[in-house]
PDB file of N, CA and C in Angstrom:
ATOM      1  N   UNK A   1      -3.669  19.702  18.673  1.00  0.00           N
ATOM      2  CA  UNK A   1      -1.936  19.778  18.608  1.00  0.00           C
ATOM      3  C   UNK A   1      -1.601  19.240  17.486  1.00  0.00           C
ATOM      4  N   UNK A   2      -2.078  18.258  16.984  1.00  0.00           N
ATOM      5  CA  UNK A   2      -1.631  17.436  15.648  1.00  0.00           C
ATOM      6  C   UNK A   2      -1.672  18.511  14.549  1.00  0.00           C
ATOM      7  N   UNK A   3      -2.579  19.670  14.478  1.00  0.00           N
ATOM      8  CA  UNK A   3      -2.911  20.501  13.459  1.00  0.00           C
ATOM      9  C   UNK A   3      -1.805  21.785  13.663  1.00  0.00           C
ATOM     10  N   UNK A   4      -1.280  21.803  14.725  1.00  0.00           N
ATOM     11  CA  UNK A   4      -0.348  22.998  15.215  1.00  0.00           C
ATOM     12  C   UNK A   4       0.947  22.672  14.273  1.00  0.00           C
ATOM     13  N   UNK A   5       1.456  21.597  14.513  1.00  0.00           N
ATOM     14  CA  UNK A   5       2.719  20.959  13.845  1.00  0.00           C
ATOM     15  C   UNK A   5       3.043  21.361  12.658  1.00  0.00           C
ATOM     16  N   UNK A   6       1.828  20.845  11.767  1.00  0.00           N
ATOM     17  CA  UNK A   6       1.955  21.244  10.166  1.00  0.00           C
ATOM     18  C   UNK A   6       1.834  22.832   9.920  1.00  0.00           C
ATOM     19  N   UNK A   7       1.167  23.421  10.589  1.00  0.00           N
ATOM     20  CA  UNK A   7       1.195  24.898  10.416  1.00  0.00           C
ATOM     21  C   UNK A   7       2.372  25.558  10.833  1.00  0.00           C
ATOM     22  N   UNK A   8       3.100  24.945  11.920  1.00  0.00           N
ATOM     23  CA  UNK A   8       4.295  25.498  12.205  1.00  0.00           C
ATOM     24  C   UNK A   8       5.262  25.441  11.126  1.00  0.00           C
ATOM     25  N   UNK A   9       5.323  24.340  10.517  1.00  0.00           N
ATOM     26  CA  UNK A   9       6.386  23.713   9.509  1.00  0.00           C
ATOM     27  C   UNK A   9       6.163  24.599   8.156  1.00  0.00           C
ATOM     28  N   UNK A  10       4.540  24.778   7.706  1.00  0.00           N
ATOM     29  CA  UNK A  10       4.385  25.664   6.725  1.00  0.00           C
ATOM     30  C   UNK A  10       4.777  27.163   6.923  1.00  0.00           C
ATOM     31  N   UNK A  11       4.478  27.620   8.116  1.00  0.00           N
ATOM     32  CA  UNK A  11       4.866  28.930   8.242  1.00  0.00           C
ATOM     33  C   UNK A  11       6.581  29.408   8.429  1.00  0.00           C
ATOM     34  N   UNK A  12       7.109  28.322   8.900  1.00  0.00           N
ATOM     35  CA  UNK A  12       8.527  28.375   8.713  1.00  0.00           C
ATOM     36  C   UNK A  12       9.311  28.400   7.633  1.00  0.00           C
ATOM     37  N   UNK A  13       8.647  27.536   6.635  1.00  0.00           N
ATOM     38  CA  UNK A  13       9.182  27.001   5.577  1.00  0.00           C
ATOM     39  C   UNK A  13       8.881  28.055   4.697  1.00  0.00           C
ATOM     40  N   UNK A  14       7.862  28.825   4.675  1.00  0.00           N
ATOM     41  CA  UNK A  14       7.621  30.035   4.125  1.00  0.00           C
ATOM     42  C   UNK A  14       8.415  31.111   4.245  1.00  0.00           C
ATOM     43  N   UNK A  15       8.727  31.356   5.581  1.00  0.00           N
ATOM     44  CA  UNK A  15       9.348  32.444   6.121  1.00  0.00           C
ATOM     45  C   UNK A  15      10.855  31.955   5.559  1.00  0.00           C
ATOM     46  N   UNK A  16      11.370  30.973   5.701  1.00  0.00           N
ATOM     47  CA  UNK A  16      12.839  30.508   4.978  1.00  0.00           C
ATOM     48  C   UNK A  16      12.888  30.913   3.328  1.00  0.00           C
ATOM     49  N   UNK A  17      11.818  30.765   2.837  1.00  0.00           N
ATOM     50  CA  UNK A  17      11.713  30.998   1.440  1.00  0.00           C
ATOM     51  C   UNK A  17      11.912  32.199   1.048  1.00  0.00           C
ATOM     52  N   UNK A  18      11.235  33.222   2.006  1.00  0.00           N
ATOM     53  CA  UNK A  18      11.346  34.578   1.923  1.00  0.00           C
ATOM     54  C   UNK A  18      12.796  35.077   1.988  1.00  0.00           C
ATOM     55  N   UNK A  19      13.621  34.604   2.907  1.00  0.00           N
ATOM     56  CA  UNK A  19      15.018  34.836   3.320  1.00  0.00           C
ATOM     57  C   UNK A  19      16.056  34.114   2.405  1.00  0.00           C
ATOM     58  N   UNK A  20      15.459  33.517   1.337  1.00  0.00           N
ATOM     59  CA  UNK A  20      16.349  33.120   0.160  1.00  0.00           C
ATOM     60  C   UNK A  20      17.221  31.695   0.849  1.00  0.00           C
ATOM     61  N   UNK A  21      16.589  31.004   1.788  1.00  0.00           N
ATOM     62  CA  UNK A  21      17.464  29.851   2.258  1.00  0.00           C
ATOM     63  C   UNK A  21      17.164  28.651   1.702  1.00  0.00           C
ATOM     64  N   UNK A  22      16.621  28.697   0.356  1.00  0.00           N
ATOM     65  CA  UNK A  22      16.154  27.521  -0.391  1.00  0.00           C
ATOM     66  C   UNK A  22      17.346  27.413  -1.506  1.00  0.00           C
ATOM     67  N   UNK A  23      17.525  26.243  -1.752  1.00  0.00           N
ATOM     68  CA  UNK A  23      18.520  25.877  -2.715  1.00  0.00           C
ATOM     69  C   UNK A  23      18.297  24.207  -3.304  1.00  0.00           C
ATOM     70  N   UNK A  24      18.944  23.866  -4.040  1.00  0.00           N
ATOM     71  CA  UNK A  24      18.954  22.194  -4.106  1.00  0.00           C
ATOM     72  C   UNK A  24      19.165  21.480  -2.895  1.00  0.00           C
ATOM     73  N   UNK A  25      18.835  20.250  -2.815  1.00  0.00           N
ATOM     74  CA  UNK A  25      19.277  19.546  -1.538  1.00  0.00           C
ATOM     75  C   UNK A  25      20.492  19.184  -1.696  1.00  0.00           C
ATOM     76  N   UNK A  26      21.484  19.100  -2.555  1.00  0.00           N
ATOM     77  CA  UNK A  26      22.729  18.731  -2.450  1.00  0.00           C
ATOM     78  C   UNK A  26      23.574  19.887  -2.184  1.00  0.00           C
ATOM     79  N   UNK A  27      22.958  20.980  -2.956  1.00  0.00           N
ATOM     80  CA  UNK A  27      23.839  22.476  -2.134  1.00  0.00           C
ATOM     81  C   UNK A  27      23.659  22.775  -0.827  1.00  0.00           C
ATOM     82  N   UNK A  28      22.431  22.565  -0.368  1.00  0.00           N
ATOM     83  CA  UNK A  28      22.080  22.680   1.189  1.00  0.00           C
ATOM     84  C   UNK A  28      22.992  21.697   1.958  1.00  0.00           C
ATOM     85  N   UNK A  29      23.108  20.656   1.495  1.00  0.00           N
ATOM     86  CA  UNK A  29      23.694  19.364   2.490  1.00  0.00           C
ATOM     87  C   UNK A  29      25.167  19.739   2.466  1.00  0.00           C
ATOM     88  N   UNK A  30      25.657  20.299   1.225  1.00  0.00           N
ATOM     89  CA  UNK A  30      27.207  20.605   1.066  1.00  0.00           C
ATOM     90  C   UNK A  30      27.666  21.752   2.070  1.00  0.00           C
ATOM     91  N   UNK A  31      26.530  22.800   2.098  1.00  0.00           N
ATOM     92  CA  UNK A  31      26.849  24.120   2.816  1.00  0.00           C
ATOM     93  C   UNK A  31      26.722  23.397   4.336  1.00  0.00           C
ATOM     94  N   UNK A  32      25.882  22.954   4.744  1.00  0.00           N
ATOM     95  CA  UNK A  32      25.888  22.533   6.215  1.00  0.00           C
ATOM     96  C   UNK A  32      27.141  21.639   6.693  1.00  0.00           C
ATOM     97  N   UNK A  33      27.636  20.610   5.785  1.00  0.00           N
ATOM     98  CA  UNK A  33      28.233  19.818   6.108  1.00  0.00           C
ATOM     99  C   UNK A  33      29.866  20.782   6.049  1.00  0.00           C
ATOM    100  N   UNK A  34      30.099  21.477   5.053  1.00  0.00           N
ATOM    101  CA  UNK A  34      31.274  22.181   5.018  1.00  0.00           C
ATOM    102  C   UNK A  34      31.482  23.302   5.926  1.00  0.00           C
ATOM    103  N   UNK A  35      30.452  24.076   5.860  1.00  0.00           N
ATOM    104  CA  UNK A  35      30.638  25.403   6.526  1.00  0.00           C
ATOM    105  C   UNK A  35      30.343  25.156   8.013  1.00  0.00           C
ATOM    106  N   UNK A  36      29.584  24.324   8.586  1.00  0.00           N
ATOM    107  CA  UNK A  36      29.086  24.278   9.803  1.00  0.00           C
ATOM    108  C   UNK A  36      29.498  22.846  10.555  1.00  0.00           C
ATOM    109  N   UNK A  37      30.219  21.854   9.591  1.00  0.00           N
ATOM    110  CA  UNK A  37      30.282  20.512  10.185  1.00  0.00           C
ATOM    111  C   UNK A  37      29.324  19.976  10.702  1.00  0.00           C
ATOM    112  N   UNK A  38      28.054  19.862  10.151  1.00  0.00           N
ATOM    113  CA  UNK A  38      26.818  19.370  10.698  1.00  0.00           C
ATOM    114  C   UNK A  38      26.683  18.341   9.667  1.00  0.00           C
ATOM    115  N   UNK A  39      26.004  17.044  10.363  1.00  0.00           N
ATOM    116  CA  UNK A  39      25.873  15.925   9.573  1.00  0.00           C
ATOM    117  C   UNK A  39      24.291  15.501   9.983  1.00  0.00           C
ATOM    118  N   UNK A  40      23.853  14.635   8.913  1.00  0.00           N
ATOM    119  CA  UNK A  40      22.351  14.407   9.125  1.00  0.00           C
ATOM    120  C   UNK A  40      22.413  13.767  10.320  1.00  0.00           C
ATOM    121  N   UNK A  41      21.259  13.890  11.130  1.00  0.00           N
ATOM    122  CA  UNK A  41      20.997  13.284  12.342  1.00  0.00           C
ATOM    123  C   UNK A  41      19.676  12.431  12.558  1.00  0.00           C
ATOM    124  N   UNK A  42      18.806  13.022  11.838  1.00  0.00           N
ATOM    125  CA  UNK A  42      17.288  12.470  12.089  1.00  0.00           C
ATOM    126  C   UNK A  42      16.901  13.036  10.636  1.00  0.00           C
ATOM    127  N   UNK A  43      16.092  11.829  10.042  1.00  0.00           N
ATOM    128  CA  UNK A  43      15.198  11.842   8.781  1.00  0.00           C
ATOM    129  C   UNK A  43      13.841  11.785   9.249  1.00  0.00           C
ATOM    130  N   UNK A  44      12.895  12.274   8.693  1.00  0.00           N
ATOM    131  CA  UNK A  44      11.413  11.931   8.974  1.00  0.00           C
ATOM    132  C   UNK A  44      10.764  12.442   7.802  1.00  0.00           C
ATOM    133  N   UNK A  45       9.426  11.978   7.258  1.00  0.00           N
ATOM    134  CA  UNK A  45       8.445  12.555   6.402  1.00  0.00           C
ATOM    135  C   UNK A  45       7.405  13.080   7.201  1.00  0.00           C
ATOM    136  N   UNK A  46       6.850  14.096   6.469  1.00  0.00           N
ATOM    137  CA  UNK A  46       5.528  14.644   6.909  1.00  0.00           C
ATOM    138  C   UNK A  46       4.259  14.053   6.187  1.00  0.00           C
ATOM    139  N   UNK A  47       3.223  14.524   6.498  1.00  0.00           N
ATOM    140  CA  UNK A  47       1.959  14.184   5.834  1.00  0.00           C
ATOM    141  C   UNK A  47       1.958  14.327   4.443  1.00  0.00           C
ATOM    142  N   UNK A  48       2.654  15.317   3.812  1.00  0.00           N
ATOM    143  CA  UNK A  48       2.758  15.735   2.610  1.00  0.00           C
ATOM    144  C   UNK A  48       3.857  15.259   1.890  1.00  0.00           C
ATOM    145  N   UNK A  49       4.474  14.022   2.424  1.00  0.00           N
ATOM    146  CA  UNK A  49       5.660  13.419   1.795  1.00  0.00           C
ATOM    147  C   UNK A  49       6.886  14.311   1.527  1.00  0.00           C
ATOM    148  N   UNK A  50       7.039  15.353   2.220  1.00  0.00           N
ATOM    149  CA  UNK A  50       8.095  16.031   2.321  1.00  0.00           C
ATOM    150  C   UNK A  50       9.131  15.652   3.179  1.00  0.00           C
ATOM    151  N   UNK A  51      10.324  15.650   3.143  1.00  0.00           N
ATOM    152  CA  UNK A  51      11.363  15.101   4.038  1.00  0.00           C
ATOM    153  C   UNK A  51      11.958  16.014   4.727  1.00  0.00           C
ATOM    154  N   UNK A  52      11.824  16.054   6.022  1.00  0.00           N
ATOM    155  CA  UNK A  52      12.615  16.793   6.977  1.00  0.00           C
ATOM    156  C   UNK A  52      13.965  15.989   7.508  1.00  0.00           C
ATOM    157  N   UNK A  53      15.154  16.990   7.678  1.00  0.00           N
ATOM    158  CA  UNK A  53      16.205  16.180   8.095  1.00  0.00           C
ATOM    159  C   UNK A  53      16.799  17.315   8.896  1.00  0.00           C
ATOM    160  N   UNK A  54      17.231  16.896  10.203  1.00  0.00           N
ATOM    161  CA  UNK A  54      17.953  17.772  11.361  1.00  0.00           C
ATOM    162  C   UNK A  54      19.484  17.294  11.011  1.00  0.00           C
ATOM    163  N   UNK A  55      20.268  18.319  10.751  1.00  0.00           N
ATOM    164  CA  UNK A  55      21.709  18.143  10.877  1.00  0.00           C
ATOM    165  C   UNK A  55      22.188  18.616  12.161  1.00  0.00           C
ATOM    166  N   UNK A  56      23.282  18.000  12.621  1.00  0.00           N
ATOM    167  CA  UNK A  56      23.722  18.312  14.012  1.00  0.00           C
ATOM    168  C   UNK A  56      25.419  18.467  13.899  1.00  0.00           C
ATOM    169  N   UNK A  57      25.972  19.322  14.493  1.00  0.00           N
ATOM    170  CA  UNK A  57      27.301  19.223  14.850  1.00  0.00           C
ATOM    171  C   UNK A  57      27.526  19.009  16.276  1.00  0.00           C
ATOM    172  N   UNK A  58      27.870  17.539  16.649  1.00  0.00           N
ATOM    173  CA  UNK A  58      27.898  17.552  18.096  1.00  0.00           C
ATOM    174  C   UNK A  58      29.106  17.941  19.143  1.00  0.00           C
ATOM    175  N   UNK A  59      30.152  18.403  18.103  1.00  0.00           N
ATOM    176  CA  UNK A  59      31.097  19.280  18.858  1.00  0.00           C
ATOM    177  C   UNK A  59      30.692  20.432  19.450  1.00  0.00           C
ATOM    178  N   UNK A  60      30.084  21.418  18.496  1.00  0.00           N
ATOM    179  CA  UNK A  60      29.666  22.854  18.622  1.00  0.00           C
ATOM    180  C   UNK A  60      28.346  22.827  19.197  1.00  0.00           C
ATOM    181  N   UNK A  61      27.649  21.824  18.880  1.00  0.00           N
ATOM    182  CA  UNK A  61      26.006  21.900  19.330  1.00  0.00           C
ATOM    183  C   UNK A  61      25.218  22.453  18.471  1.00  0.00           C
ATOM    184  N   UNK A  62      25.903  23.217  17.348  1.00  0.00           N
ATOM    185  CA  UNK A  62      24.827  23.818  16.123  1.00  0.00           C
ATOM    186  C   UNK A  62      23.992  22.692  15.610  1.00  0.00           C
ATOM    187  N   UNK A  63      22.619  23.059  14.982  1.00  0.00           N
ATOM    188  CA  UNK A  63      21.783  22.255  14.242  1.00  0.00           C
ATOM    189  C   UNK A  63      21.108  23.086  13.546  1.00  0.00           C
ATOM    190  N   UNK A  64      20.409  22.426  12.401  1.00  0.00           N
ATOM    191  CA  UNK A  64      19.694  22.979  11.253  1.00  0.00           C
ATOM    192  C   UNK A  64      18.488  22.086  10.997  1.00  0.00           C
ATOM    193  N   UNK A  65      17.369  22.376  10.683  1.00  0.00           N
ATOM    194  CA  UNK A  65      16.350  21.647  10.222  1.00  0.00           C
ATOM    195  C   UNK A  65      15.959  22.121   8.921  1.00  0.00           C
ATOM    196  N   UNK A  66      16.045  21.140   7.690  1.00  0.00           N
ATOM    197  CA  UNK A  66      15.669  21.513   6.499  1.00  0.00           C
ATOM    198  C   UNK A  66      14.620  20.756   6.067  1.00  0.00           C
ATOM    199  N   UNK A  67      13.796  21.027   5.164  1.00  0.00           N
ATOM    200  CA  UNK A  67      12.610  20.493   4.383  1.00  0.00           C
ATOM    201  C   UNK A  67      12.782  20.377   3.055  1.00  0.00           C
ATOM    202  N   UNK A  68      12.610  19.340   2.337  1.00  0.00           N
ATOM    203  CA  UNK A  68      12.857  19.106   0.996  1.00  0.00           C
ATOM    204  C   UNK A  68      11.464  18.394   0.462  1.00  0.00           C
ATOM    205  N   UNK A  69      11.290  19.169  -0.695  1.00  0.00           N
ATOM    206  CA  UNK A  69      10.123  18.666  -1.378  1.00  0.00           C
ATOM    207  C   UNK A  69      10.700  18.705  -2.996  1.00  0.00           C
ATOM    208  N   UNK A  70      10.582  17.662  -3.494  1.00  0.00           N
ATOM    209  CA  UNK A  70      11.117  17.630  -4.887  1.00  0.00           C
ATOM    210  C   UNK A  70      12.711  17.703  -4.847  1.00  0.00           C
ATOM    211  N   UNK A  71      13.039  18.702  -5.844  1.00  0.00           N
ATOM    212  CA  UNK A  71      14.580  18.846  -5.831  1.00  0.00           C
ATOM    213  C   UNK A  71      15.113  20.123  -4.904  1.00  0.00           C
ATOM    214  N   UNK A  72      14.108  20.834  -4.506  1.00  0.00           N
ATOM    215  CA  UNK A  72      14.495  21.993  -3.628  1.00  0.00           C
ATOM    216  C   UNK A  72      14.399  21.784  -1.976  1.00  0.00           C
ATOM    217  N   UNK A  73      15.063  22.236  -1.212  1.00  0.00           N
ATOM    218  CA  UNK A  73      15.377  22.086   0.179  1.00  0.00           C
ATOM    219  C   UNK A  73      15.326  23.688   0.718  1.00  0.00           C
ATOM    220  N   UNK A  74      14.890  23.904   1.806  1.00  0.00           N
ATOM    221  CA  UNK A  74      14.850  25.055   2.293  1.00  0.00           C
ATOM    222  C   UNK A  74      15.234  24.851   3.939  1.00  0.00           C
ATOM    223  N   UNK A  75      15.698  25.796   4.351  1.00  0.00           N
ATOM    224  CA  UNK A  75      15.976  25.786   5.759  1.00  0.00           C
ATOM    225  C   UNK A  75      14.736  26.352   6.365  1.00  0.00           C
ATOM    226  N   UNK A  76      14.449  25.341   7.747  1.00  0.00           N
ATOM    227  CA  UNK A  76      13.229  25.671   8.422  1.00  0.00           C
ATOM    228  C   UNK A  76      13.544  26.354   9.713  1.00  0.00           C
ATOM    229  N   UNK A  77      14.518  25.967  10.205  1.00  0.00           N
ATOM    230  CA  UNK A  77      15.216  26.546  11.734  1.00  0.00           C
ATOM    231  C   UNK A  77      16.473  25.930  12.074  1.00  0.00           C
ATOM    232  N   UNK A  78      17.301  26.721  12.759  1.00  0.00           N
ATOM    233  CA  UNK A  78      18.608  26.554  13.105  1.00  0.00           C
ATOM    234  C   UNK A  78      18.774  27.255  14.375  1.00  0.00           C
ATOM    235  N   UNK A  79      19.868  26.706  15.042  1.00  0.00           N
ATOM    236  CA  UNK A  79      20.367  27.182  16.487  1.00  0.00           C
ATOM    237  C   UNK A  79      21.413  26.342  17.015  1.00  0.00           C
ATOM    238  N   UNK A  80      21.556  26.472  18.140  1.00  0.00           N
ATOM    239  CA  UNK A  80      22.875  26.137  18.969  1.00  0.00           C
ATOM    240  C   UNK A  80      22.418  25.241  20.385  1.00  0.00           C
ATOM    241  N   UNK A  81      23.400  24.859  20.974  1.00  0.00           N
ATOM    242  CA  UNK A  81      23.212  24.183  22.263  1.00  0.00           C
ATOM    243  C   UNK A  81      22.429  22.910  22.258  1.00  0.00           C
ATOM    244  N   UNK A  82      22.661  21.972  20.991  1.00  0.00           N
ATOM    245  CA  UNK A  82      21.815  20.863  20.892  1.00  0.00           C
ATOM    246  C   UNK A  82      22.511  19.730  21.715  1.00  0.00           C
ATOM    247  N   UNK A  83      21.411  19.096  22.371  1.00  0.00           N
ATOM    248  CA  UNK A  83      21.905  17.825  23.016  1.00  0.00           C
ATOM    249  C   UNK A  83      20.730  16.876  23.159  1.00  0.00           C
ATOM    250  N   UNK A  84      21.098  15.468  23.005  1.00  0.00           N
ATOM    251  CA  UNK A  84      20.058  14.412  23.031  1.00  0.00           C
ATOM    252  C   UNK A  84      19.481  14.526  24.670  1.00  0.00           C
ATOM    253  N   UNK A  85      18.419  14.335  24.661  1.00  0.00           N
ATOM    254  CA  UNK A  85      17.789  13.960  25.880  1.00  0.00           C
ATOM    255  C   UNK A  85      18.419  12.924  26.800  1.00  0.00           C
ATOM    256  N   UNK A  86      18.600  11.844  26.086  1.00  0.00           N
ATOM    257  CA  UNK A  86      19.173  10.568  26.472  1.00  0.00           C
ATOM    258  C   UNK A  86      20.473  10.317  25.774  1.00  0.00           C
ATOM    259  N   UNK A  87      21.551  11.017  25.938  1.00  0.00           N
ATOM    260  CA  UNK A  87      22.690  10.896  25.183  1.00  0.00           C
ATOM    261  C   UNK A  87      23.039   9.354  24.942  1.00  0.00           C
ATOM    262  N   UNK A  88      22.936   8.417  26.017  1.00  0.00           N
ATOM    263  CA  UNK A  88      23.364   6.930  25.879  1.00  0.00           C
ATOM    264  C   UNK A  88      22.364   6.434  24.613  1.00  0.00           C
ATOM    265  N   UNK A  89      21.161   6.857  24.650  1.00  0.00           N
ATOM    266  CA  UNK A  89      20.457   6.202  23.284  1.00  0.00           C
ATOM    267  C   UNK A  89      20.945   6.682  21.921  1.00  0.00           C
ATOM    268  N   UNK A  90      21.621   7.829  21.990  1.00  0.00           N
ATOM    269  CA  UNK A  90      22.084   8.254  20.576  1.00  0.00           C
ATOM    270  C   UNK A  90      23.544   8.241  20.349  1.00  0.00           C
ATOM    271  N   UNK A  91      24.197   7.273  21.304  1.00  0.00           N
ATOM    272  CA  UNK A  91      25.745   7.277  21.035  1.00  0.00           C
ATOM    273  C   UNK A  91      26.083   6.522  19.888  1.00  0.00           C
ATOM    274  N   UNK A  92      26.875   7.160  18.947  1.00  0.00           N
ATOM    275  CA  UNK A  92      27.411   6.602  17.817  1.00  0.00           C
ATOM    276  C   UNK A  92      28.864   5.975  17.964  1.00  0.00           C
ATOM    277  N   UNK A  93      29.008   4.851  17.465  1.00  0.00           N
ATOM    278  CA  UNK A  93      30.252   4.109  17.553  1.00  0.00           C
ATOM    279  C   UNK A  93      31.354   5.168  16.811  1.00  0.00           C
ATOM    280  N   UNK A  94      32.659   5.056  17.140  1.00  0.00           N
ATOM    281  CA  UNK A  94      33.536   6.092  16.442  1.00  0.00           C
ATOM    282  C   UNK A  94      33.803   5.573  14.852  1.00  0.00           C
ATOM    283  N   UNK A  95      33.773   6.235  14.059  1.00  0.00           N
ATOM    284  CA  UNK A  95      34.028   6.156  12.567  1.00  0.00           C
ATOM    285  C   UNK A  95      32.626   5.449  11.924  1.00  0.00           C
ATOM    286  N   UNK A  96      31.463   5.642  12.552  1.00  0.00           N
ATOM    287  CA  UNK A  96      30.485   5.189  11.933  1.00  0.00           C
ATOM    288  C   UNK A  96      29.174   6.381  12.085  1.00  0.00           C
ATOM    289  N   UNK A  97      28.773   6.502  11.150  1.00  0.00           N
ATOM    290  CA  UNK A  97      27.615   7.647  10.870  1.00  0.00           C
ATOM    291  C   UNK A  97      26.259   7.060  11.418  1.00  0.00           C
ATOM    292  N   UNK A  98      25.277   8.073  12.016  1.00  0.00           N
ATOM    293  CA  UNK A  98      24.017   7.366  12.093  1.00  0.00           C
ATOM    294  C   UNK A  98      23.349   7.004  10.956  1.00  0.00           C
ATOM    295  N   UNK A  99      22.573   5.812  10.799  1.00  0.00           N
ATOM    296  CA  UNK A  99      21.822   5.394   9.620  1.00  0.00           C
ATOM    297  C   UNK A  99      20.443   5.927   9.828  1.00  0.00           C
TER     298      UNK A  99
END
């Protein structure tokens, strides 16, 4: 199973690049926050030191996962109906962003 996840990330990342979903990290961040109202929710690094970020709009439930390597970021996947498994665990105080 631990080998399947990197394969899926590489496969979906390559697919995103074919669809021109790649741009600078700041451009992609601005696009997701301005067009979809999504904010960074989770950040993590993979075994190749690439950063993955999940953006979420808690009001609409839309979400996007991006992968960043160097200055370039690519959309990996996006969807709708986001909800945490344990909402209390992820509760954010008003006027505060997740850290």
